[in-house]
């Protein structure tokens, strides 16, 4: 009846159930009440575009323990000329769409690659191609969403993980039902003087996102009752968020990062401890081994 009314008013006819949108394949399992999003065709097009049809798939997006730094940028005219025609920006830009749409498991890696857009070196180019080779081997992964459970978040930070400026990387992921609905991996704007400080700043970013998601869900008539739980694996940062005591180790922290205190005090956010082994946001702050990355992706809903 609604379709007929729209057709009569605007002359628009139904094309049937949605199956493709902006390069994403959409599949439904109505019995399980799930919807899955995948970009296998988009990945295939990138593999061909960047000449990796015959390349061996990679087991992980990055090699664990190998850092990308500014020291690997071109250091002389010959190296600059060598990289001049390498489509580094095009590849990283293409990976960004996958990162924000259906593949949260490569968020950290694309974030790192983005640091070198203005002056990439050979090592950065090989790392970018490795991410694409990993996607080639996992092209059939789908981000599956469905059901409804409490909105929960995981927040983590890798203290001083950037080898160039010693800034930390913060990450968070939000889950509703079976899959991830929001995620972030971003280098923090200031240098943290301790792991407590890095984790504390990450909690604040997660709290801001939690408030927005809760408001958005209310707009579509999905109401989250009570505070949003944000899990962290640093006892010190959780204690600081719950009990804002003055301490010599934390007195220098910028006021903007104390937003989490107000959220906890008002009952908007509830912070809770989870072991590092079970920290779902770990893969948003650092490279993981093959087995850990597979588990990370599975828990994201992939």
Protein backbone atom coordinates (compact mmCIF):
# COMPACT_ATOMS: atom_id res chain seq x y z
CA UNK A 1 0.00 0.00 0.00
CA UNK A 2 2.79 2.43 0.82
CA UNK A 3 4.59 1.60 -2.42
CA UNK A 4 1.39 2.18 -4.39
CA UNK A 5 0.81 5.52 -2.69
CA UNK A 6 4.36 6.67 -3.44
CA UNK A 7 4.06 5.50 -7.04
CA UNK A 8 0.77 7.36 -7.48
CA UNK A 9 2.13 10.55 -5.95
CA UNK A 10 5.62 10.69 -7.42
CA UNK A 11 5.60 8.22 -10.31
CA UNK A 12 8.25 6.03 -8.69
CA UNK A 13 8.08 2.25 -8.91
CA UNK A 14 9.73 -0.30 -6.65
CA UNK A 15 12.83 -2.08 -7.96
CA UNK A 16 12.50 -4.87 -5.40
CA UNK A 17 14.56 -5.64 -2.34
CA UNK A 18 17.79 -3.67 -2.03
CA UNK A 19 20.82 -5.78 -2.95
CA UNK A 20 23.50 -3.24 -3.96
CA UNK A 21 24.32 0.19 -2.58
CA UNK A 22 27.41 2.28 -3.33
CA UNK A 23 29.50 -0.76 -4.19
CA UNK A 24 28.30 -2.79 -1.20
CA UNK A 25 26.45 -6.06 -1.64
CA UNK A 26 23.58 -6.38 0.82
CA UNK A 27 22.19 -9.77 1.79
CA UNK A 28 19.49 -10.61 4.29
CA UNK A 29 18.78 -13.70 6.33
CA UNK A 30 15.24 -13.09 7.47
CA UNK A 31 15.08 -16.28 9.51
CA UNK A 32 18.14 -15.23 11.52
CA UNK A 33 17.11 -11.56 11.36
CA UNK A 34 20.51 -10.45 10.08
CA UNK A 35 21.80 -8.24 7.31
CA UNK A 36 25.28 -8.56 5.83
CA UNK A 37 27.38 -6.01 3.96
CA UNK A 38 30.30 -6.96 1.75
CA UNK A 39 32.53 -5.32 -0.85
CA UNK A 40 34.05 -8.33 -2.58
CA UNK A 41 33.46 -6.88 -6.06
CA UNK A 42 35.09 -3.61 -5.03
CA UNK A 43 38.10 -5.49 -3.64
CA UNK A 44 38.38 -7.46 -6.89
CA UNK A 45 38.40 -4.22 -8.88
CA UNK A 46 41.19 -2.82 -6.71
CA UNK A 47 43.27 -5.98 -7.06
CA UNK A 48 43.06 -5.67 -10.85
CA UNK A 49 43.55 -1.90 -10.89
CA UNK A 50 46.77 -2.08 -8.89
CA UNK A 51 48.17 -5.11 -10.70
CA UNK A 52 47.87 -7.72 -7.95
CA UNK A 53 45.82 -10.36 -9.78
CA UNK A 54 48.66 -12.87 -9.52
CA UNK A 55 49.87 -11.78 -6.09
CA UNK A 56 49.82 -14.15 -3.14
CA UNK A 57 47.25 -13.22 -0.46
CA UNK A 58 48.75 -12.01 2.82
CA UNK A 59 47.90 -13.59 6.16
CA UNK A 60 47.68 -10.24 7.98
CA UNK A 61 47.37 -6.61 6.88
CA UNK A 62 50.77 -5.67 8.40
CA UNK A 63 53.78 -7.69 9.47
CA UNK A 64 53.69 -7.69 13.26
CA UNK A 65 56.66 -5.91 14.80
CA UNK A 66 57.64 -3.99 11.65
CA UNK A 67 57.10 -0.23 12.01
CA UNK A 68 56.49 2.33 9.26
CA UNK A 69 58.36 5.58 9.91
CA UNK A 70 59.36 8.85 8.26
CA UNK A 71 62.91 7.51 7.98
CA UNK A 72 61.58 5.32 5.15
CA UNK A 73 60.45 8.35 3.11
CA UNK A 74 62.52 9.28 0.01
CA UNK A 75 65.84 10.76 1.12
CA UNK A 76 67.32 11.86 -2.23
CA UNK A 77 66.29 12.88 -5.74
CA UNK A 78 66.61 9.35 -7.13
CA UNK A 79 64.21 7.97 -4.53
CA UNK A 80 61.79 10.86 -5.12
CA UNK A 81 61.79 10.13 -8.87
CA UNK A 82 61.31 6.42 -8.20
CA UNK A 83 58.16 7.11 -6.17
CA UNK A 84 56.80 9.91 -8.39
CA UNK A 85 54.60 7.63 -10.50
CA UNK A 86 53.66 5.16 -7.78
CA UNK A 87 49.87 5.42 -7.16
CA UNK A 88 50.22 5.41 -3.37
CA UNK A 89 47.56 8.05 -2.73
CA UNK A 90 45.10 6.32 -5.01
CA UNK A 91 45.53 2.98 -3.26
CA UNK A 92 45.29 4.39 0.27
CA UNK A 93 42.26 6.47 -0.72
CA UNK A 94 40.59 3.35 -2.10
CA UNK A 95 41.36 1.45 1.10
CA UNK A 96 39.75 4.24 3.12
CA UNK A 97 36.35 3.44 1.65
CA UNK A 98 36.66 -0.17 2.76
CA UNK A 99 37.85 0.98 6.18
CA UNK A 100 34.81 3.15 6.86
CA UNK A 101 32.18 0.95 5.19
CA UNK A 102 32.60 -2.76 5.86
CA UNK A 103 36.13 -3.56 7.03
CA UNK A 104 36.81 -2.18 10.51
CA UNK A 105 39.63 -4.71 10.86
CA UNK A 106 41.91 -2.60 8.60
CA UNK A 107 41.18 0.73 10.32
CA UNK A 108 44.50 0.89 12.13
CA UNK A 109 46.53 -0.04 9.08
CA UNK A 110 44.91 2.55 6.79
CA UNK A 111 45.35 5.18 9.49
CA UNK A 112 49.09 4.47 9.61
CA UNK A 113 49.41 4.49 5.81
CA UNK A 114 47.65 7.87 5.68
CA UNK A 115 50.55 9.48 7.55
CA UNK A 116 52.73 9.19 4.47
CA UNK A 117 50.40 10.43 1.73
CA UNK A 118 52.59 13.46 0.96
CA UNK A 119 55.92 11.64 0.78
CA UNK A 120 55.61 7.85 0.64
CA UNK A 121 58.63 5.63 0.37
CA UNK A 122 59.07 2.16 -1.06
CA UNK A 123 58.42 0.51 2.32
CA UNK A 124 55.13 2.39 2.66
CA UNK A 125 54.07 1.33 -0.84
CA UNK A 126 54.85 -2.31 -0.13
CA UNK A 127 52.87 -2.08 3.13
CA UNK A 128 49.87 -0.61 1.31
CA UNK A 129 49.98 -3.41 -1.25
CA UNK A 130 50.17 -5.94 1.57
CA UNK A 131 46.89 -4.60 2.99
CA UNK A 132 45.31 -5.10 -0.43
CA UNK A 133 46.78 -8.62 -0.66
CA UNK A 134 45.23 -9.36 2.73
CA UNK A 135 41.88 -8.10 1.46
CA UNK A 136 42.28 -10.29 -1.61
CA UNK A 137 42.49 -13.34 0.64
CA UNK A 138 39.55 -12.22 2.78
CA UNK A 139 37.36 -10.78 0.01
CA UNK A 140 34.36 -12.88 1.06
CA UNK A 141 34.21 -11.53 4.60
CA UNK A 142 30.94 -9.82 5.40
CA UNK A 143 30.04 -7.39 8.15
CA UNK A 144 26.99 -9.03 9.70
CA UNK A 145 24.52 -7.02 11.73
CA UNK A 146 21.43 -8.27 13.44
CA UNK A 147 19.47 -8.70 16.59
CA UNK A 148 19.62 -6.22 19.39
CA UNK A 149 21.48 -6.22 22.64
CA UNK A 150 22.73 -3.42 24.81
CA UNK A 151 24.99 -0.90 23.13
CA UNK A 152 28.51 -1.63 24.39
CA UNK A 153 31.89 -0.16 23.58
CA UNK A 154 35.53 -1.14 23.89
CA UNK A 155 38.25 1.48 24.23
CA UNK A 156 42.00 0.95 24.02
CA UNK A 157 45.26 2.77 23.37
CA UNK A 158 48.78 1.80 22.33
CA UNK A 159 51.02 4.04 24.40
CA UNK A 160 53.75 5.87 22.44
CA UNK A 161 53.29 3.50 19.53
CA UNK A 162 54.24 6.06 16.88
CA UNK A 163 58.01 5.76 16.40
CA UNK A 164 58.30 9.23 14.84
CA UNK A 165 56.74 11.46 17.50
CA UNK A 166 55.93 8.96 20.27
CA UNK A 167 52.25 9.80 20.17
CA UNK A 168 49.78 7.08 21.11
CA UNK A 169 47.07 5.53 18.98
CA UNK A 170 43.58 5.40 20.45
CA UNK A 171 40.80 3.16 19.22
CA UNK A 172 37.22 2.27 20.02
CA UNK A 173 34.51 0.04 18.65
CA UNK A 174 30.78 -0.03 19.40
CA UNK A 175 28.64 -3.12 19.03
CA UNK A 176 24.89 -3.52 18.80
CA UNK A 177 23.71 -7.08 18.46
CA UNK A 178 26.16 -9.20 16.52
CA UNK A 179 28.32 -6.63 14.76
CA UNK A 180 30.27 -3.40 14.91
CA UNK A 181 28.30 -0.24 14.16
CA UNK A 182 31.00 2.36 14.82
CA UNK A 183 34.77 2.22 15.08
CA UNK A 184 37.80 4.48 15.10
CA UNK A 185 41.58 4.22 15.04
CA UNK A 186 43.33 7.55 15.37
CA UNK A 187 46.64 8.94 16.55
CA UNK A 188 46.14 11.06 19.65
CA UNK A 189 46.81 14.81 19.29
CA UNK A 190 49.23 15.10 22.20
CA UNK A 191 52.02 12.97 23.63
CA UNK A 192 50.84 10.92 26.60
CA UNK A 193 53.30 10.65 29.47
CA UNK A 194 51.98 7.28 30.64
CA UNK A 195 49.79 4.43 29.50
CA UNK A 196 47.20 5.65 32.01
CA UNK A 197 47.03 9.00 30.24
CA UNK A 198 46.79 7.44 26.78
CA UNK A 199 43.98 5.11 27.87
CA UNK A 200 42.21 7.97 29.66
CA UNK A 201 42.19 10.10 26.50
CA UNK A 202 40.89 7.13 24.53
CA UNK A 203 38.01 6.73 27.01
CA UNK A 204 36.98 10.34 26.42
CA UNK A 205 36.80 9.83 22.66
CA UNK A 206 34.68 6.71 23.16
CA UNK A 207 32.36 8.58 25.53
CA UNK A 208 31.72 11.31 22.96
CA UNK A 209 30.85 8.73 20.33
CA UNK A 210 28.61 6.85 22.77
CA UNK A 211 26.51 9.94 23.41
CA UNK A 212 26.04 10.52 19.69
CA UNK A 213 25.15 6.89 18.94
CA UNK A 214 22.65 6.75 21.79
CA UNK A 215 21.00 9.92 20.48
CA UNK A 216 20.92 8.58 16.92
CA UNK A 217 19.35 5.30 18.00
CA UNK A 218 16.67 7.23 19.88
CA UNK A 219 15.89 9.15 16.67
CA UNK A 220 15.08 5.86 14.92
CA UNK A 221 13.04 4.67 17.89
CA UNK A 222 15.67 2.31 19.28
CA UNK A 223 16.07 3.31 22.89
CA UNK A 224 19.12 2.45 24.99
CA UNK A 225 18.08 2.46 28.62
CA UNK A 226 20.60 3.34 31.27
CA UNK A 227 24.27 4.21 30.80
CA UNK A 228 26.36 2.95 27.90
CA UNK A 229 29.05 0.55 29.09
CA UNK A 230 32.57 1.31 27.87
CA UNK A 231 35.14 -1.39 28.56
CA UNK A 232 38.80 -0.58 29.14
CA UNK A 233 41.81 -2.67 30.11
CA UNK A 234 43.74 -0.09 32.14
CA UNK A 235 42.75 -0.06 35.79
CA UNK A 236 44.35 3.32 36.45
CA UNK A 237 42.43 5.17 33.74
CA UNK A 238 39.15 3.60 34.85
CA UNK A 239 39.79 4.62 38.45
CA UNK A 240 40.59 8.17 37.36
CA UNK A 241 37.35 8.36 35.38
CA UNK A 242 35.33 7.13 38.35
CA UNK A 243 37.15 9.00 41.11
CA UNK A 244 38.53 12.34 39.91
CA UNK A 245 41.20 12.82 42.55
CA UNK A 246 44.07 15.27 42.17
CA UNK A 247 47.36 13.52 41.51
CA UNK A 248 50.78 14.66 40.39
CA UNK A 249 50.70 12.11 37.54
CA UNK A 250 47.49 13.52 36.07
CA UNK A 251 47.39 17.23 36.95
CA UNK A 252 48.79 18.21 33.54
CA UNK A 253 46.08 16.42 31.49
CA UNK A 254 44.19 18.90 29.33
CA UNK A 255 40.68 19.77 30.48
CA UNK A 256 39.07 18.43 27.29
CA UNK A 257 40.09 14.90 28.23
CA UNK A 258 38.26 15.11 31.57
CA UNK A 259 34.93 14.98 29.74
CA UNK A 260 34.75 11.29 30.63
CA UNK A 261 34.55 12.19 34.32
CA UNK A 262 31.40 14.22 33.80
CA UNK A 263 29.83 11.43 31.74
CA UNK A 264 30.50 8.87 34.47
CA UNK A 265 29.31 11.18 37.25
CA UNK A 266 26.06 11.95 35.42
CA UNK A 267 25.34 8.27 34.74
CA UNK A 268 25.59 8.64 30.96
CA UNK A 269 28.60 6.33 30.74
CA UNK A 270 29.58 3.34 32.86
CA UNK A 271 33.23 2.31 32.59
CA UNK A 272 34.20 -1.25 33.39
CA UNK A 273 37.34 -3.36 33.30
CA UNK A 274 38.04 -6.13 30.82
CA UNK A 275 41.25 -8.11 30.46
CA UNK A 276 43.67 -7.23 27.68
CA UNK A 277 43.12 -10.70 26.22
CA UNK A 278 39.44 -9.90 25.71
CA UNK A 279 39.91 -6.27 24.63
CA UNK A 280 38.12 -6.04 21.30
CA UNK A 281 39.64 -2.66 20.39
CA UNK A 282 43.20 -4.02 20.58
CA UNK A 283 43.34 -4.49 16.81
CA UNK A 284 42.46 -0.82 16.31
CA UNK A 285 45.69 0.31 17.99
CA UNK A 286 48.40 -2.06 16.77
CA UNK A 287 49.15 -4.88 14.29
CA UNK A 288 48.12 -8.34 15.47
CA UNK A 289 49.33 -11.84 14.72
CA UNK A 290 47.34 -13.95 12.27
CA UNK A 291 45.38 -15.85 14.90
CA UNK A 292 44.63 -12.74 16.93
CA UNK A 293 43.54 -10.82 13.85
CA UNK A 294 41.16 -13.60 12.86
CA UNK A 295 39.61 -13.55 16.31
CA UNK A 296 39.46 -9.74 16.24
CA UNK A 297 37.64 -9.77 12.90
CA UNK A 298 35.22 -12.48 14.02
CA UNK A 299 34.24 -10.52 17.12
CA UNK A 300 33.63 -7.43 15.01
CA UNK A 301 31.02 -9.39 13.06
CA UNK A 302 33.15 -10.29 10.04
